[in-house]
Amino acid sequence: MTPELLAASAVVMFASTVQGAVGFGLGMLAAPLLALIDPALVPVPLLASALALTLLMAYRERQALAFHEIGWALLGRIPGTFAGAGAMLIASERVVSLLVGIVVFVAVGLIGSGAALPRNRSTLLGAGVMSGFMSTTTSIGGPPVAALYHDARGTELRAAMSGFFAVGLVMSLSALAIVGRVRAEDLHATLWLVPGAILGFTVSSYIIPYLDRGYTQKAVLIISALAGVSVIYRAVSGNG
């Protein structure tokens, strides 16, 4: 195992710990650092590692899964995913990342002001579209859907996000495969990153009891705001 892959696995472990405890955050925390270590680690190896993590989370939170709600977000993710894949072919990734970051900040501002959108079929559908687009273009797809669950119990948020991500990540990886963005070396790198995701999931189980004492909403706002900073920084610096 090379030093680069060892560092990448450590990054994924830390980011997986956050996502395992809150419900999202892996892409936002890991993508910029993995891109610095080796740009080839994003998006495919990171998305594949995230899939392993979310499957574990979905099983852990299975009793709180509500597919009658999250199904609408998954429906919206289908066109959003392919729109994101198309955007990568015809538009500047820097411009796309900048627009995504601005949208995330607007969402955080709405929640912080108390004017957040209600959670219903229409908003879940719209959040799914935006999440699919963001995940495919920047590896960060959590904030749109998490914003609608900002006032939910911790276990409900994690269950919704893990169910949504488990299916949505398969969509994103399939779309990237269709446009020729999945290579043999991506699968090799994934094998080294998945153990980090599993270790992070294990550690998150010890953090959850503390986070669920009323800190879930604050965690959603903080991580969403950091996601906006992350994608904007990558766009401005040219690291996206």
C-alpha atoms as a PDB file:
ATOM      1  CA  MET A   1       0.000   0.000   0.000  1.00  0.00           C
ATOM      2  CA  THR A   2       1.511   3.328  -1.071  1.00  0.00           C
ATOM      3  CA  PRO A   3       1.704   6.321   1.335  1.00  0.00           C
ATOM      4  CA  GLU A   4      -0.823   8.121  -0.888  1.00  0.00           C
ATOM      5  CA  LEU A   5      -3.391   5.355  -0.584  1.00  0.00           C
ATOM      6  CA  LEU A   6      -2.751   5.085   3.171  1.00  0.00           C
ATOM      7  CA  ALA A   7      -3.425   8.816   3.555  1.00  0.00           C
ATOM      8  CA  ALA A   8      -6.509   8.539   1.346  1.00  0.00           C
ATOM      9  CA  SER A   9      -7.866   5.686   3.462  1.00  0.00           C
ATOM     10  CA  ALA A  10      -7.364   7.772   6.627  1.00  0.00           C
ATOM     11  CA  VAL A  11      -9.249  10.673   5.038  1.00  0.00           C
ATOM     12  CA  VAL A  12     -12.134   8.390   4.099  1.00  0.00           C
ATOM     13  CA  MET A  13     -12.209   6.949   7.626  1.00  0.00           C
ATOM     14  CA  PHE A  14     -12.542  10.401   9.204  1.00  0.00           C
ATOM     15  CA  ALA A  15     -15.187  11.553   6.718  1.00  0.00           C
ATOM     16  CA  SER A  16     -17.093   8.264   7.100  1.00  0.00           C
ATOM     17  CA  THR A  17     -17.167   8.776  10.857  1.00  0.00           C
ATOM     18  CA  VAL A  18     -18.883  12.125  10.340  1.00  0.00           C
ATOM     19  CA  GLN A  19     -21.384  10.761   7.820  1.00  0.00           C
ATOM     20  CA  GLY A  20     -22.065   7.700   9.918  1.00  0.00           C
ATOM     21  CA  ALA A  21     -22.947   9.905  12.898  1.00  0.00           C
ATOM     22  CA  VAL A  22     -24.805  12.741  11.169  1.00  0.00           C
ATOM     23  CA  GLY A  23     -26.139  11.182   7.979  1.00  0.00           C
ATOM     24  CA  PHE A  24     -24.021  12.902   5.332  1.00  0.00           C
ATOM     25  CA  GLY A  25     -20.689  14.661   4.885  1.00  0.00           C
ATOM     26  CA  LEU A  26     -18.397  12.025   3.387  1.00  0.00           C
ATOM     27  CA  GLY A  27     -18.148  13.634  -0.039  1.00  0.00           C
ATOM     28  CA  MET A  28     -17.836  17.174   1.273  1.00  0.00           C
ATOM     29  CA  LEU A  29     -15.018  16.330   3.698  1.00  0.00           C
ATOM     30  CA  ALA A  30     -13.138  13.754   1.654  1.00  0.00           C
ATOM     31  CA  ALA A  31     -13.392  14.998  -1.934  1.00  0.00           C
ATOM     32  CA  PRO A  32     -11.105  18.077  -1.653  1.00  0.00           C
ATOM     33  CA  LEU A  33      -8.416  16.175   0.266  1.00  0.00           C
ATOM     34  CA  LEU A  34      -8.544  13.135  -2.000  1.00  0.00           C
ATOM     35  CA  ALA A  35      -8.237  15.414  -5.028  1.00  0.00           C
ATOM     36  CA  LEU A  36      -5.051  16.837  -3.529  1.00  0.00           C
ATOM     37  CA  ILE A  37      -3.631  13.374  -2.802  1.00  0.00           C
ATOM     38  CA  ASP A  38      -4.542  12.034  -6.247  1.00  0.00           C
ATOM     39  CA  PRO A  39      -7.230  13.521  -8.539  1.00  0.00           C
ATOM     40  CA  ALA A  40      -7.976  10.002  -9.806  1.00  0.00           C
ATOM     41  CA  LEU A  41      -9.567   9.176  -6.417  1.00  0.00           C
ATOM     42  CA  VAL A  42     -12.520  11.466  -7.237  1.00  0.00           C
ATOM     43  CA  PRO A  43     -15.272  10.883  -8.107  1.00  0.00           C
ATOM     44  CA  VAL A  44     -15.487   7.126  -8.812  1.00  0.00           C
ATOM     45  CA  PRO A  45     -13.444   5.563  -5.946  1.00  0.00           C
ATOM     46  CA  LEU A  46     -14.981   8.009  -3.469  1.00  0.00           C
ATOM     47  CA  LEU A  47     -18.518   7.316  -4.667  1.00  0.00           C
ATOM     48  CA  ALA A  48     -17.921   3.557  -4.526  1.00  0.00           C
ATOM     49  CA  SER A  49     -16.584   3.836  -0.962  1.00  0.00           C
ATOM     50  CA  ALA A  50     -19.585   5.955  -0.029  1.00  0.00           C
ATOM     51  CA  LEU A  51     -21.854   3.203  -1.343  1.00  0.00           C
ATOM     52  CA  ALA A  52     -20.261   0.678   1.016  1.00  0.00           C
ATOM     53  CA  LEU A  53     -20.737   3.078   3.930  1.00  0.00           C
ATOM     54  CA  THR A  54     -24.371   3.875   3.170  1.00  0.00           C
ATOM     55  CA  LEU A  55     -25.300   0.222   2.843  1.00  0.00           C
ATOM     56  CA  LEU A  56     -23.957  -0.338   6.354  1.00  0.00           C
ATOM     57  CA  MET A  57     -25.835   2.718   7.622  1.00  0.00           C
ATOM     58  CA  ALA A  58     -29.078   1.655   5.952  1.00  0.00           C
ATOM     59  CA  TYR A  59     -28.895  -1.702   7.707  1.00  0.00           C
ATOM     60  CA  ARG A  60     -28.141  -0.110  11.088  1.00  0.00           C
ATOM     61  CA  GLU A  61     -31.012   2.395  10.793  1.00  0.00           C
ATOM     62  CA  ARG A  62     -33.390   0.034   8.942  1.00  0.00           C
ATOM     63  CA  GLN A  63     -36.198   0.357  11.505  1.00  0.00           C
ATOM     64  CA  ALA A  64     -36.493   4.095  10.833  1.00  0.00           C
ATOM     65  CA  LEU A  65     -36.432   3.890   7.028  1.00  0.00           C
ATOM     66  CA  ALA A  66     -39.474   5.542   5.407  1.00  0.00           C
ATOM     67  CA  PHE A  67     -39.345   4.748   1.697  1.00  0.00           C
ATOM     68  CA  HIS A  68     -42.740   6.369   1.094  1.00  0.00           C
ATOM     69  CA  GLU A  69     -40.983   9.694   1.697  1.00  0.00           C
ATOM     70  CA  ILE A  70     -37.488   9.180   0.397  1.00  0.00           C
ATOM     71  CA  GLY A  71     -38.837   7.502  -2.741  1.00  0.00           C
ATOM     72  CA  TRP A  72     -39.841  10.914  -4.096  1.00  0.00           C
ATOM     73  CA  ALA A  73     -36.306  12.216  -3.650  1.00  0.00           C
ATOM     74  CA  LEU A  74     -34.969   9.119  -5.397  1.00  0.00           C
ATOM     75  CA  LEU A  75     -37.336   9.736  -8.287  1.00  0.00           C
ATOM     76  CA  GLY A  76     -35.983  13.254  -8.617  1.00  0.00           C
ATOM     77  CA  ARG A  77     -32.414  12.030  -8.453  1.00  0.00           C
ATOM     78  CA  ILE A  78     -32.767  10.166 -11.759  1.00  0.00           C
ATOM     79  CA  PRO A  79     -32.959  13.248 -14.030  1.00  0.00           C
ATOM     80  CA  GLY A  80     -30.589  15.125 -11.732  1.00  0.00           C
ATOM     81  CA  THR A  81     -27.942  12.421 -12.074  1.00  0.00           C
ATOM     82  CA  PHE A  82     -28.011  12.400 -15.855  1.00  0.00           C
ATOM     83  CA  ALA A  83     -28.137  16.183 -15.971  1.00  0.00           C
ATOM     84  CA  GLY A  84     -24.975  16.219 -13.865  1.00  0.00           C
ATOM     85  CA  ALA A  85     -23.234  13.717 -16.127  1.00  0.00           C
ATOM     86  CA  GLY A  86     -24.221  15.816 -19.133  1.00  0.00           C
ATOM     87  CA  ALA A  87     -22.972  18.990 -17.474  1.00  0.00           C
ATOM     88  CA  MET A  88     -19.551  17.400 -17.034  1.00  0.00           C
ATOM     89  CA  LEU A  89     -19.387  16.879 -20.778  1.00  0.00           C
ATOM     90  CA  ILE A  90     -20.567  20.305 -21.994  1.00  0.00           C
ATOM     91  CA  ALA A  91     -19.866  22.838 -19.237  1.00  0.00           C
ATOM     92  CA  SER A  92     -16.905  24.086 -17.213  1.00  0.00           C
ATOM     93  CA  GLU A  93     -16.612  22.105 -13.979  1.00  0.00           C
ATOM     94  CA  ARG A  94     -15.444  25.272 -12.240  1.00  0.00           C
ATOM     95  CA  VAL A  95     -18.626  27.151 -13.183  1.00  0.00           C
ATOM     96  CA  VAL A  96     -20.841  24.211 -12.178  1.00  0.00           C
ATOM     97  CA  SER A  97     -19.119  23.932  -8.777  1.00  0.00           C
ATOM     98  CA  LEU A  98     -19.466  27.657  -8.135  1.00  0.00           C
ATOM     99  CA  LEU A  99     -23.213  27.576  -8.846  1.00  0.00           C
ATOM    100  CA  VAL A 100     -23.641  24.508  -6.635  1.00  0.00           C
ATOM    101  CA  GLY A 101     -21.839  26.214  -3.750  1.00  0.00           C
ATOM    102  CA  ILE A 102     -24.059  29.279  -4.018  1.00  0.00           C
ATOM    103  CA  VAL A 103     -27.199  27.137  -3.970  1.00  0.00           C
ATOM    104  CA  VAL A 104     -25.988  25.327  -0.838  1.00  0.00           C
ATOM    105  CA  PHE A 105     -25.382  28.622   0.960  1.00  0.00           C
ATOM    106  CA  VAL A 106     -28.883  29.822   0.046  1.00  0.00           C
ATOM    107  CA  ALA A 107     -30.348  26.616   1.516  1.00  0.00           C
ATOM    108  CA  VAL A 108     -28.348  27.000   4.724  1.00  0.00           C
ATOM    109  CA  GLY A 109     -29.500  30.601   5.018  1.00  0.00           C
ATOM    110  CA  LEU A 110     -33.131  29.565   4.645  1.00  0.00           C
ATOM    111  CA  ILE A 111     -32.846  26.947   7.368  1.00  0.00           C
ATOM    112  CA  GLY A 112     -30.978  29.283   9.693  1.00  0.00           C
ATOM    113  CA  SER A 113     -33.611  31.987   9.255  1.00  0.00           C
ATOM    114  CA  GLY A 114     -36.406  29.598  10.133  1.00  0.00           C
ATOM    115  CA  ALA A 115     -37.881  29.819   6.627  1.00  0.00           C
ATOM    116  CA  ALA A 116     -36.886  26.312   5.579  1.00  0.00           C
ATOM    117  CA  LEU A 117     -39.101  24.485   3.080  1.00  0.00           C
ATOM    118  CA  PRO A 118     -41.619  21.920   4.352  1.00  0.00           C
ATOM    119  CA  ARG A 119     -40.972  18.247   3.653  1.00  0.00           C
ATOM    120  CA  ASN A 120     -43.512  17.046   1.098  1.00  0.00           C
ATOM    121  CA  ARG A 121     -43.614  15.313  -2.284  1.00  0.00           C
ATOM    122  CA  SER A 122     -42.747  18.429  -4.284  1.00  0.00           C
ATOM    123  CA  THR A 123     -39.818  19.534  -2.139  1.00  0.00           C
ATOM    124  CA  LEU A 124     -38.458  15.995  -1.860  1.00  0.00           C
ATOM    125  CA  LEU A 125     -38.636  15.636  -5.637  1.00  0.00           C
ATOM    126  CA  GLY A 126     -36.824  18.930  -6.166  1.00  0.00           C
ATOM    127  CA  ALA A 127     -34.193  18.107  -3.547  1.00  0.00           C
ATOM    128  CA  GLY A 128     -33.602  14.772  -5.274  1.00  0.00           C
ATOM    129  CA  VAL A 129     -32.976  16.488  -8.616  1.00  0.00           C
ATOM    130  CA  MET A 130     -30.468  18.884  -7.067  1.00  0.00           C
ATOM    131  CA  SER A 131     -28.778  16.120  -5.086  1.00  0.00           C
ATOM    132  CA  GLY A 132     -28.315  13.925  -8.154  1.00  0.00           C
ATOM    133  CA  PHE A 133     -26.803  16.827 -10.062  1.00  0.00           C
ATOM    134  CA  MET A 134     -24.487  17.801  -7.200  1.00  0.00           C
ATOM    135  CA  SER A 135     -23.350  14.264  -6.417  1.00  0.00           C
ATOM    136  CA  THR A 136     -22.432  13.505 -10.018  1.00  0.00           C
ATOM    137  CA  THR A 137     -20.596  16.792 -10.597  1.00  0.00           C
ATOM    138  CA  THR A 138     -18.929  17.417  -7.221  1.00  0.00           C
ATOM    139  CA  SER A 139     -19.303  14.160  -5.184  1.00  0.00           C
ATOM    140  CA  ILE A 140     -21.339  16.224  -2.679  1.00  0.00           C
ATOM    141  CA  GLY A 141     -25.034  15.349  -2.804  1.00  0.00           C
ATOM    142  CA  GLY A 142     -26.218  15.425   0.808  1.00  0.00           C
ATOM    143  CA  PRO A 143     -27.206  19.035   1.617  1.00  0.00           C
ATOM    144  CA  PRO A 144     -30.388  19.346  -0.528  1.00  0.00           C
ATOM    145  CA  VAL A 145     -32.113  16.329   1.042  1.00  0.00           C
ATOM    146  CA  ALA A 146     -30.625  16.797   4.514  1.00  0.00           C
ATOM    147  CA  ALA A 147     -32.019  20.339   4.524  1.00  0.00           C
ATOM    148  CA  LEU A 148     -35.533  18.908   4.441  1.00  0.00           C
ATOM    149  CA  TYR A 149     -34.775  16.652   7.422  1.00  0.00           C
ATOM    150  CA  HIS A 150     -32.991  19.295   9.513  1.00  0.00           C
ATOM    151  CA  ASP A 151     -35.695  19.121  12.193  1.00  0.00           C
ATOM    152  CA  ALA A 152     -35.992  15.323  12.229  1.00  0.00           C
ATOM    153  CA  ARG A 153     -34.689  12.977  14.925  1.00  0.00           C
ATOM    154  CA  GLY A 154     -31.117  11.826  14.406  1.00  0.00           C
ATOM    155  CA  THR A 155     -32.071   8.245  13.614  1.00  0.00           C
ATOM    156  CA  GLU A 156     -34.753   9.426  11.157  1.00  0.00           C
ATOM    157  CA  LEU A 157     -32.276  11.692   9.355  1.00  0.00           C
ATOM    158  CA  ARG A 158     -29.607   9.002   9.117  1.00  0.00           C
ATOM    159  CA  ALA A 159     -32.122   6.421   7.902  1.00  0.00           C
ATOM    160  CA  ALA A 160     -33.490   8.750   5.217  1.00  0.00           C
ATOM    161  CA  MET A 161     -30.047   9.803   4.034  1.00  0.00           C
ATOM    162  CA  SER A 162     -28.607   6.278   3.962  1.00  0.00           C
ATOM    163  CA  GLY A 163     -31.585   4.912   2.036  1.00  0.00           C
ATOM    164  CA  PHE A 164     -31.427   7.800  -0.391  1.00  0.00           C
ATOM    165  CA  PHE A 165     -27.668   7.566  -0.892  1.00  0.00           C
ATOM    166  CA  ALA A 166     -27.601   3.776  -1.266  1.00  0.00           C
ATOM    167  CA  VAL A 167     -29.846   3.925  -4.329  1.00  0.00           C
ATOM    168  CA  GLY A 168     -28.629   7.299  -5.568  1.00  0.00           C
ATOM    169  CA  LEU A 169     -24.962   6.322  -5.560  1.00  0.00           C
ATOM    170  CA  VAL A 170     -25.728   3.361  -7.776  1.00  0.00           C
ATOM    171  CA  MET A 171     -27.384   5.820 -10.180  1.00  0.00           C
ATOM    172  CA  SER A 172     -24.370   8.148 -10.169  1.00  0.00           C
ATOM    173  CA  LEU A 173     -21.854   5.347 -10.676  1.00  0.00           C
ATOM    174  CA  SER A 174     -23.960   3.897 -13.498  1.00  0.00           C
ATOM    175  CA  ALA A 175     -24.201   7.291 -15.207  1.00  0.00           C
ATOM    176  CA  LEU A 176     -20.429   7.782 -14.937  1.00  0.00           C
ATOM    177  CA  ALA A 177     -19.893   4.310 -16.386  1.00  0.00           C
ATOM    178  CA  ILE A 178     -22.147   5.156 -19.326  1.00  0.00           C
ATOM    179  CA  VAL A 179     -20.115   8.273 -20.159  1.00  0.00           C
ATOM    180  CA  GLY A 180     -16.842   6.339 -19.839  1.00  0.00           C
ATOM    181  CA  ARG A 181     -15.663   7.717 -16.496  1.00  0.00           C
ATOM    182  CA  VAL A 182     -15.209   4.334 -14.706  1.00  0.00           C
ATOM    183  CA  ARG A 183     -11.829   2.680 -15.293  1.00  0.00           C
ATOM    184  CA  ALA A 184      -9.998  -0.392 -13.996  1.00  0.00           C
ATOM    185  CA  GLU A 185      -7.684   1.755 -11.847  1.00  0.00           C
ATOM    186  CA  ASP A 186     -10.745   3.253 -10.152  1.00  0.00           C
ATOM    187  CA  LEU A 187     -11.773  -0.195  -8.930  1.00  0.00           C
ATOM    188  CA  HIS A 188      -8.256  -0.849  -7.602  1.00  0.00           C
ATOM    189  CA  ALA A 189      -8.264   2.407  -5.625  1.00  0.00           C
ATOM    190  CA  THR A 190     -11.733   1.614  -4.275  1.00  0.00           C
ATOM    191  CA  LEU A 191     -10.454  -1.591  -2.677  1.00  0.00           C
ATOM    192  CA  TRP A 192      -8.048   0.490  -0.565  1.00  0.00           C
ATOM    193  CA  LEU A 193     -10.606   3.117   0.420  1.00  0.00           C
ATOM    194  CA  VAL A 194     -13.454   0.815   1.498  1.00  0.00           C
ATOM    195  CA  PRO A 195     -11.693  -0.374   4.710  1.00  0.00           C
ATOM    196  CA  GLY A 196     -11.465   3.267   5.797  1.00  0.00           C
ATOM    197  CA  ALA A 197     -15.206   3.646   5.233  1.00  0.00           C
ATOM    198  CA  ILE A 198     -15.929   0.546   7.321  1.00  0.00           C
ATOM    199  CA  LEU A 199     -13.714   1.736  10.194  1.00  0.00           C
ATOM    200  CA  GLY A 200     -15.358   5.160  10.108  1.00  0.00           C
ATOM    201  CA  PHE A 201     -18.799   3.558  10.294  1.00  0.00           C
ATOM    202  CA  THR A 202     -17.712   1.582  13.355  1.00  0.00           C
ATOM    203  CA  VAL A 203     -16.410   4.677  15.143  1.00  0.00           C
ATOM    204  CA  SER A 204     -19.590   6.634  14.335  1.00  0.00           C
ATOM    205  CA  SER A 205     -21.673   4.197  16.385  1.00  0.00           C
ATOM    206  CA  TYR A 206     -19.938   5.483  19.522  1.00  0.00           C
ATOM    207  CA  ILE A 207     -20.589   9.139  18.626  1.00  0.00           C
ATOM    208  CA  ILE A 208     -24.293   8.840  17.825  1.00  0.00           C
ATOM    209  CA  PRO A 209     -25.532   8.688  21.462  1.00  0.00           C
ATOM    210  CA  TYR A 210     -23.954  12.089  22.142  1.00  0.00           C
ATOM    211  CA  LEU A 211     -25.032  13.734  18.876  1.00  0.00           C
ATOM    212  CA  ASP A 212     -28.645  12.632  19.290  1.00  0.00           C
ATOM    213  CA  ARG A 213     -29.024  14.699  22.456  1.00  0.00           C
ATOM    214  CA  GLY A 214     -30.385  17.614  20.439  1.00  0.00           C
ATOM    215  CA  TYR A 215     -27.403  18.501  18.257  1.00  0.00           C
ATOM    216  CA  THR A 216     -28.568  17.045  14.941  1.00  0.00           C
ATOM    217  CA  GLN A 217     -29.915  20.301  13.468  1.00  0.00           C
ATOM    218  CA  LYS A 218     -26.724  22.191  14.290  1.00  0.00           C
ATOM    219  CA  ALA A 219     -24.673  19.420  12.713  1.00  0.00           C
ATOM    220  CA  VAL A 220     -26.761  19.596   9.523  1.00  0.00           C
ATOM    221  CA  LEU A 221     -26.275  23.366   9.252  1.00  0.00           C
ATOM    222  CA  ILE A 222     -22.541  23.222   9.934  1.00  0.00           C
ATOM    223  CA  ILE A 223     -21.833  20.410   7.495  1.00  0.00           C
ATOM    224  CA  SER A 224     -24.034  21.956   4.786  1.00  0.00           C
ATOM    225  CA  ALA A 225     -22.260  25.311   5.167  1.00  0.00           C
ATOM    226  CA  LEU A 226     -18.884  23.564   4.959  1.00  0.00           C
ATOM    227  CA  ALA A 227     -20.079  21.803   1.819  1.00  0.00           C
ATOM    228  CA  GLY A 228     -20.792  25.183   0.230  1.00  0.00           C
ATOM    229  CA  VAL A 229     -17.357  26.456   1.220  1.00  0.00           C
ATOM    230  CA  SER A 230     -15.758  23.296  -0.145  1.00  0.00           C
ATOM    231  CA  VAL A 231     -17.233  23.430  -3.636  1.00  0.00           C
ATOM    232  CA  ILE A 232     -16.744  27.195  -3.968  1.00  0.00           C
ATOM    233  CA  TYR A 233     -13.112  26.899  -2.887  1.00  0.00           C
ATOM    234  CA  ARG A 234     -12.527  24.127  -5.389  1.00  0.00           C
ATOM    235  CA  ALA A 235     -14.103  26.243  -8.144  1.00  0.00           C
ATOM    236  CA  VAL A 236     -12.162  29.408  -7.332  1.00  0.00           C
ATOM    237  CA  SER A 237      -8.836  27.640  -6.758  1.00  0.00           C
ATOM    238  CA  GLY A 238      -9.172  25.442  -9.785  1.00  0.00           C
ATOM    239  CA  ASN A 239      -8.984  22.207  -7.775  1.00  0.00           C
ATOM    240  CA  GLY A 240     -12.497  21.097  -8.655  1.00  0.00           C
END
